[in-house]
Amino acid sequence: MTMFNTPEQFAAANKASVDAMLTLANTALASAERIAALNLNTARSMLEDGVANAKAMLGAKDPQEFFSLQSSLAQPGLEKAVAYSRSVYEISAQSKEEISKLLEAQFSDFQKQVLGLLEKATKNAPAGSDVAVNAVKSAIAAATSAFDSMNKAAKQVADIAETNVAAATNATVKAVGTAAAAAKK
């Protein structure tokens, strides 16, 4: 028994593999491009803010105004850092989701091919091979169940991590805001 009965089946399988690899590569490149754009925009914004903040602080008339300006500038800087971190996390999470969908589709296609081959083999199998065929089907069902369980667990972990990241960043922004407000008094 061979996996491919015709050259067309072999060509189709190769094309599907190449298409999957291209999709994976394009997803990775798109993610890298988005990260690079985010980094460039963040660097530009930090430079502009740094110049504006330096000018404002150099224009302070006394030490009290200088320190008041310094503490008031901390909150926007932290909020921008948190926004940057969230953006990086979102880009990474979206890329992971796209790659997971691709891998799920590939696993599903592979499983269908194996089950199709198993059905063909069953039709041509000698009498008494039902036990072996059922054992293979059972192993495939167990592997599918394990894959589904791992996939669900990974999604739950990602959801928990996302919730924790959001809670931590919000708590940090609030804490710095409270500290900045206390420093102004």
C-alpha atoms as a PDB file:
ATOM      1  CA  MET A   1       0.000   0.000   0.000  1.00  0.00           C
ATOM      2  CA  THR A   2       1.415   3.393  -0.953  1.00  0.00           C
ATOM      3  CA  MET A   3       0.367   6.795   0.288  1.00  0.00           C
ATOM      4  CA  PHE A   4      -0.126   8.143  -3.256  1.00  0.00           C
ATOM      5  CA  ASN A   5      -1.690   6.067  -5.978  1.00  0.00           C
ATOM      6  CA  THR A   6      -1.170   8.569  -8.787  1.00  0.00           C
ATOM      7  CA  PRO A   7       1.334  11.279  -9.717  1.00  0.00           C
ATOM      8  CA  GLU A   8      -1.528  13.795  -9.400  1.00  0.00           C
ATOM      9  CA  GLN A   9      -2.040  12.849  -5.746  1.00  0.00           C
ATOM     10  CA  PHE A  10       1.677  13.257  -5.105  1.00  0.00           C
ATOM     11  CA  ALA A  11       1.723  16.654  -6.855  1.00  0.00           C
ATOM     12  CA  ALA A  12      -1.355  17.812  -4.935  1.00  0.00           C
ATOM     13  CA  ALA A  13       0.209  16.794  -1.612  1.00  0.00           C
ATOM     14  CA  ASN A  14       3.433  18.627  -2.477  1.00  0.00           C
ATOM     15  CA  LYS A  15       1.504  21.729  -3.532  1.00  0.00           C
ATOM     16  CA  ALA A  16      -0.468  21.663  -0.273  1.00  0.00           C
ATOM     17  CA  SER A  17       2.780  21.418   1.719  1.00  0.00           C
ATOM     18  CA  VAL A  18       4.366  24.297  -0.183  1.00  0.00           C
ATOM     19  CA  ASP A  19       1.221  26.409   0.237  1.00  0.00           C
ATOM     20  CA  ALA A  20       1.207  25.726   3.975  1.00  0.00           C
ATOM     21  CA  MET A  21       4.874  26.698   4.279  1.00  0.00           C
ATOM     22  CA  LEU A  22       4.268  29.895   2.292  1.00  0.00           C
ATOM     23  CA  THR A  23       1.349  30.790   4.538  1.00  0.00           C
ATOM     24  CA  LEU A  24       3.486  30.159   7.599  1.00  0.00           C
ATOM     25  CA  ALA A  25       6.363  32.247   6.207  1.00  0.00           C
ATOM     26  CA  ASN A  26       4.014  35.093   5.230  1.00  0.00           C
ATOM     27  CA  THR A  27       2.475  35.085   8.702  1.00  0.00           C
ATOM     28  CA  ALA A  28       5.912  35.310  10.312  1.00  0.00           C
ATOM     29  CA  LEU A  29       7.036  38.071   7.938  1.00  0.00           C
ATOM     30  CA  ALA A  30       3.835  40.068   8.448  1.00  0.00           C
ATOM     31  CA  SER A  31       4.325  39.825  12.203  1.00  0.00           C
ATOM     32  CA  ALA A  32       7.955  40.943  11.927  1.00  0.00           C
ATOM     33  CA  GLU A  33       6.898  43.827   9.685  1.00  0.00           C
ATOM     34  CA  ARG A  34       4.271  44.965  12.199  1.00  0.00           C
ATOM     35  CA  ILE A  35       6.797  44.758  15.076  1.00  0.00           C
ATOM     36  CA  ALA A  36       9.360  46.745  13.046  1.00  0.00           C
ATOM     37  CA  ALA A  37       6.783  49.459  12.247  1.00  0.00           C
ATOM     38  CA  LEU A  38       5.736  49.586  15.903  1.00  0.00           C
ATOM     39  CA  ASN A  39       9.373  49.902  17.006  1.00  0.00           C
ATOM     40  CA  LEU A  40      10.059  52.672  14.496  1.00  0.00           C
ATOM     41  CA  ASN A  41       6.953  54.626  15.498  1.00  0.00           C
ATOM     42  CA  THR A  42       7.738  54.149  19.189  1.00  0.00           C
ATOM     43  CA  ALA A  43      11.335  55.342  18.740  1.00  0.00           C
ATOM     44  CA  ARG A  44      10.136  58.395  16.820  1.00  0.00           C
ATOM     45  CA  SER A  45       7.544  59.192  19.474  1.00  0.00           C
ATOM     46  CA  MET A  46      10.069  58.734  22.300  1.00  0.00           C
ATOM     47  CA  LEU A  47      12.510  61.088  20.592  1.00  0.00           C
ATOM     48  CA  GLU A  48       9.835  63.747  20.070  1.00  0.00           C
ATOM     49  CA  ASP A  49       8.576  63.387  23.637  1.00  0.00           C
ATOM     50  CA  GLY A  50      12.105  63.466  25.023  1.00  0.00           C
ATOM     51  CA  VAL A  51      12.876  66.721  23.234  1.00  0.00           C
ATOM     52  CA  ALA A  52       9.581  68.297  24.314  1.00  0.00           C
ATOM     53  CA  ASN A  53      10.063  67.130  27.906  1.00  0.00           C
ATOM     54  CA  ALA A  54      13.648  68.418  28.042  1.00  0.00           C
ATOM     55  CA  LYS A  55      12.530  71.828  26.753  1.00  0.00           C
ATOM     56  CA  ALA A  56       9.729  71.978  29.321  1.00  0.00           C
ATOM     57  CA  MET A  57      12.049  71.014  32.172  1.00  0.00           C
ATOM     58  CA  LEU A  58      14.747  73.454  31.064  1.00  0.00           C
ATOM     59  CA  GLY A  59      12.086  76.180  31.106  1.00  0.00           C
ATOM     60  CA  ALA A  60      11.286  75.569  34.777  1.00  0.00           C
ATOM     61  CA  LYS A  61      11.705  78.695  36.869  1.00  0.00           C
ATOM     62  CA  ASP A  62      12.529  76.969  40.158  1.00  0.00           C
ATOM     63  CA  PRO A  63      13.281  73.474  41.554  1.00  0.00           C
ATOM     64  CA  GLN A  64       9.683  72.960  42.687  1.00  0.00           C
ATOM     65  CA  GLU A  65       8.356  73.554  39.146  1.00  0.00           C
ATOM     66  CA  PHE A  66      11.118  71.309  37.763  1.00  0.00           C
ATOM     67  CA  PHE A  67      10.176  68.388  40.043  1.00  0.00           C
ATOM     68  CA  SER A  68       6.460  68.973  39.464  1.00  0.00           C
ATOM     69  CA  LEU A  69       7.024  68.812  35.691  1.00  0.00           C
ATOM     70  CA  GLN A  70       9.166  65.726  36.084  1.00  0.00           C
ATOM     71  CA  SER A  71       6.488  63.855  38.026  1.00  0.00           C
ATOM     72  CA  SER A  72       3.716  64.951  35.627  1.00  0.00           C
ATOM     73  CA  LEU A  73       5.707  63.605  32.668  1.00  0.00           C
ATOM     74  CA  ALA A  74       6.122  60.150  34.215  1.00  0.00           C
ATOM     75  CA  GLN A  75       2.475  59.102  33.771  1.00  0.00           C
ATOM     76  CA  PRO A  76       2.251  59.662  29.976  1.00  0.00           C
ATOM     77  CA  GLY A  77       5.600  57.923  29.512  1.00  0.00           C
ATOM     78  CA  LEU A  78       4.440  54.884  31.461  1.00  0.00           C
ATOM     79  CA  GLU A  79       1.133  54.798  29.589  1.00  0.00           C
ATOM     80  CA  LYS A  80       3.027  54.792  26.292  1.00  0.00           C
ATOM     81  CA  ALA A  81       5.292  51.997  27.506  1.00  0.00           C
ATOM     82  CA  VAL A  82       2.252  49.965  28.536  1.00  0.00           C
ATOM     83  CA  ALA A  83       0.575  50.655  25.181  1.00  0.00           C
ATOM     84  CA  TYR A  84       3.752  49.503  23.412  1.00  0.00           C
ATOM     85  CA  SER A  85       3.843  46.291  25.468  1.00  0.00           C
ATOM     86  CA  ARG A  86       0.175  45.634  24.726  1.00  0.00           C
ATOM     87  CA  SER A  87       0.764  46.159  21.010  1.00  0.00           C
ATOM     88  CA  VAL A  88       3.684  43.722  20.976  1.00  0.00           C
ATOM     89  CA  TYR A  89       1.596  41.200  22.900  1.00  0.00           C
ATOM     90  CA  GLU A  90      -1.379  41.628  20.513  1.00  0.00           C
ATOM     91  CA  ILE A  91       0.809  41.157  17.434  1.00  0.00           C
ATOM     92  CA  SER A  92       2.341  38.038  18.961  1.00  0.00           C
ATOM     93  CA  ALA A  93      -1.056  36.659  19.998  1.00  0.00           C
ATOM     94  CA  GLN A  94      -2.517  37.239  16.520  1.00  0.00           C
ATOM     95  CA  SER A  95       0.447  35.515  14.885  1.00  0.00           C
ATOM     96  CA  LYS A  96       0.157  32.582  17.279  1.00  0.00           C
ATOM     97  CA  GLU A  97      -3.554  32.296  16.487  1.00  0.00           C
ATOM     98  CA  GLU A  98      -2.942  32.283  12.722  1.00  0.00           C
ATOM     99  CA  ILE A  99      -0.190  29.674  13.048  1.00  0.00           C
ATOM    100  CA  SER A 100      -2.380  27.532  15.317  1.00  0.00           C
ATOM    101  CA  LYS A 101      -5.198  27.603  12.759  1.00  0.00           C
ATOM    102  CA  LEU A 102      -2.789  26.570  10.018  1.00  0.00           C
ATOM    103  CA  LEU A 103      -1.435  23.682  12.099  1.00  0.00           C
ATOM    104  CA  GLU A 104      -4.960  22.561  13.014  1.00  0.00           C
ATOM    105  CA  ALA A 105      -5.933  22.527   9.333  1.00  0.00           C
ATOM    106  CA  GLN A 106      -2.782  20.575   8.432  1.00  0.00           C
ATOM    107  CA  PHE A 107      -3.454  18.035  11.184  1.00  0.00           C
ATOM    108  CA  SER A 108      -7.063  17.680  10.037  1.00  0.00           C
ATOM    109  CA  ASP A 109      -6.000  17.126   6.410  1.00  0.00           C
ATOM    110  CA  PHE A 110      -3.411  14.554   7.476  1.00  0.00           C
ATOM    111  CA  GLN A 111      -5.961  12.757   9.595  1.00  0.00           C
ATOM    112  CA  LYS A 112      -8.430  12.630   6.675  1.00  0.00           C
ATOM    113  CA  GLN A 113      -5.740  11.209   4.388  1.00  0.00           C
ATOM    114  CA  VAL A 114      -4.800   8.522   6.891  1.00  0.00           C
ATOM    115  CA  LEU A 115      -8.440   7.580   7.453  1.00  0.00           C
ATOM    116  CA  GLY A 116      -9.011   7.463   3.681  1.00  0.00           C
ATOM    117  CA  LEU A 117      -6.027   5.191   3.216  1.00  0.00           C
ATOM    118  CA  LEU A 118      -7.213   3.036   6.083  1.00  0.00           C
ATOM    119  CA  GLU A 119     -10.636   2.653   4.465  1.00  0.00           C
ATOM    120  CA  LYS A 120      -8.997   1.632   1.164  1.00  0.00           C
ATOM    121  CA  ALA A 121      -6.789  -0.840   2.995  1.00  0.00           C
ATOM    122  CA  THR A 122      -9.795  -2.266   4.835  1.00  0.00           C
ATOM    123  CA  LYS A 123     -11.556  -3.021   1.542  1.00  0.00           C
ATOM    124  CA  ASN A 124      -8.550  -4.975   0.288  1.00  0.00           C
ATOM    125  CA  ALA A 125      -7.513  -6.487   3.616  1.00  0.00           C
ATOM    126  CA  PRO A 126      -7.595 -10.229   4.162  1.00  0.00           C
ATOM    127  CA  ALA A 127     -10.226 -11.732   6.391  1.00  0.00           C
ATOM    128  CA  GLY A 128      -9.516 -11.424  10.096  1.00  0.00           C
ATOM    129  CA  SER A 129      -7.660  -8.120   9.886  1.00  0.00           C
ATOM    130  CA  ASP A 130     -10.571  -6.252  11.474  1.00  0.00           C
ATOM    131  CA  VAL A 131      -8.806  -6.250  14.844  1.00  0.00           C
ATOM    132  CA  ALA A 132      -5.709  -4.506  13.429  1.00  0.00           C
ATOM    133  CA  VAL A 133      -7.808  -1.955  11.511  1.00  0.00           C
ATOM    134  CA  ASN A 134      -9.882  -1.183  14.593  1.00  0.00           C
ATOM    135  CA  ALA A 135      -6.698  -0.769  16.643  1.00  0.00           C
ATOM    136  CA  VAL A 136      -5.354   1.771  14.128  1.00  0.00           C
ATOM    137  CA  LYS A 137      -8.677   3.634  14.093  1.00  0.00           C
ATOM    138  CA  SER A 138      -8.652   3.676  17.882  1.00  0.00           C
ATOM    139  CA  ALA A 139      -5.090   5.051  17.911  1.00  0.00           C
ATOM    140  CA  ILE A 140      -6.081   7.783  15.456  1.00  0.00           C
ATOM    141  CA  ALA A 141      -9.099   8.693  17.600  1.00  0.00           C
ATOM    142  CA  ALA A 142      -6.883   8.839  20.703  1.00  0.00           C
ATOM    143  CA  ALA A 143      -4.332  11.039  18.925  1.00  0.00           C
ATOM    144  CA  THR A 144      -7.090  13.372  17.735  1.00  0.00           C
ATOM    145  CA  SER A 145      -8.528  13.570  21.231  1.00  0.00           C
ATOM    146  CA  ALA A 146      -5.092  14.321  22.692  1.00  0.00           C
ATOM    147  CA  PHE A 147      -4.448  17.011  20.059  1.00  0.00           C
ATOM    148  CA  ASP A 148      -7.834  18.623  20.784  1.00  0.00           C
ATOM    149  CA  SER A 149      -7.204  18.534  24.541  1.00  0.00           C
ATOM    150  CA  MET A 150      -3.754  20.099  24.172  1.00  0.00           C
ATOM    151  CA  ASN A 151      -5.149  22.747  21.848  1.00  0.00           C
ATOM    152  CA  LYS A 152      -7.941  23.639  24.303  1.00  0.00           C
ATOM    153  CA  ALA A 153      -5.482  23.756  27.209  1.00  0.00           C
ATOM    154  CA  ALA A 154      -3.118  26.017  25.243  1.00  0.00           C
ATOM    155  CA  LYS A 155      -5.996  28.373  24.415  1.00  0.00           C
ATOM    156  CA  GLN A 156      -7.037  28.486  28.087  1.00  0.00           C
ATOM    157  CA  VAL A 157      -3.478  29.279  29.168  1.00  0.00           C
ATOM    158  CA  ALA A 158      -3.268  32.040  26.534  1.00  0.00           C
ATOM    159  CA  ASP A 159      -6.582  33.523  27.725  1.00  0.00           C
ATOM    160  CA  ILE A 160      -5.436  33.470  31.347  1.00  0.00           C
ATOM    161  CA  ALA A 161      -2.115  35.064  30.405  1.00  0.00           C
ATOM    162  CA  GLU A 162      -3.889  37.781  28.433  1.00  0.00           C
ATOM    163  CA  THR A 163      -6.183  38.540  31.369  1.00  0.00           C
ATOM    164  CA  ASN A 164      -3.234  38.663  33.780  1.00  0.00           C
ATOM    165  CA  VAL A 165      -1.196  40.925  31.474  1.00  0.00           C
ATOM    166  CA  ALA A 166      -4.138  43.326  31.151  1.00  0.00           C
ATOM    167  CA  ALA A 167      -4.722  43.369  34.923  1.00  0.00           C
ATOM    168  CA  ALA A 168      -1.027  43.908  35.687  1.00  0.00           C
ATOM    169  CA  THR A 169      -0.619  46.746  33.201  1.00  0.00           C
ATOM    170  CA  ASN A 170      -3.791  48.468  34.428  1.00  0.00           C
ATOM    171  CA  ALA A 171      -2.623  48.147  38.041  1.00  0.00           C
ATOM    172  CA  THR A 172       0.784  49.587  37.128  1.00  0.00           C
ATOM    173  CA  VAL A 173      -0.743  52.569  35.322  1.00  0.00           C
ATOM    174  CA  LYS A 174      -3.063  53.247  38.287  1.00  0.00           C
ATOM    175  CA  ALA A 175      -0.211  52.950  40.797  1.00  0.00           C
ATOM    176  CA  VAL A 176       1.974  55.408  38.895  1.00  0.00           C
ATOM    177  CA  GLY A 177      -0.998  57.751  38.446  1.00  0.00           C
ATOM    178  CA  THR A 178      -1.649  57.672  42.190  1.00  0.00           C
ATOM    179  CA  ALA A 179       2.049  58.267  42.941  1.00  0.00           C
ATOM    180  CA  ALA A 180       2.182  61.165  40.465  1.00  0.00           C
ATOM    181  CA  ALA A 181      -0.950  62.708  41.985  1.00  0.00           C
ATOM    182  CA  ALA A 182       0.516  62.369  45.487  1.00  0.00           C
ATOM    183  CA  ALA A 183       3.779  63.961  44.337  1.00  0.00           C
ATOM    184  CA  LYS A 184       1.920  66.999  43.006  1.00  0.00           C
ATOM    185  CA  LYS A 185       0.375  67.636  46.439  1.00  0.00           C
END
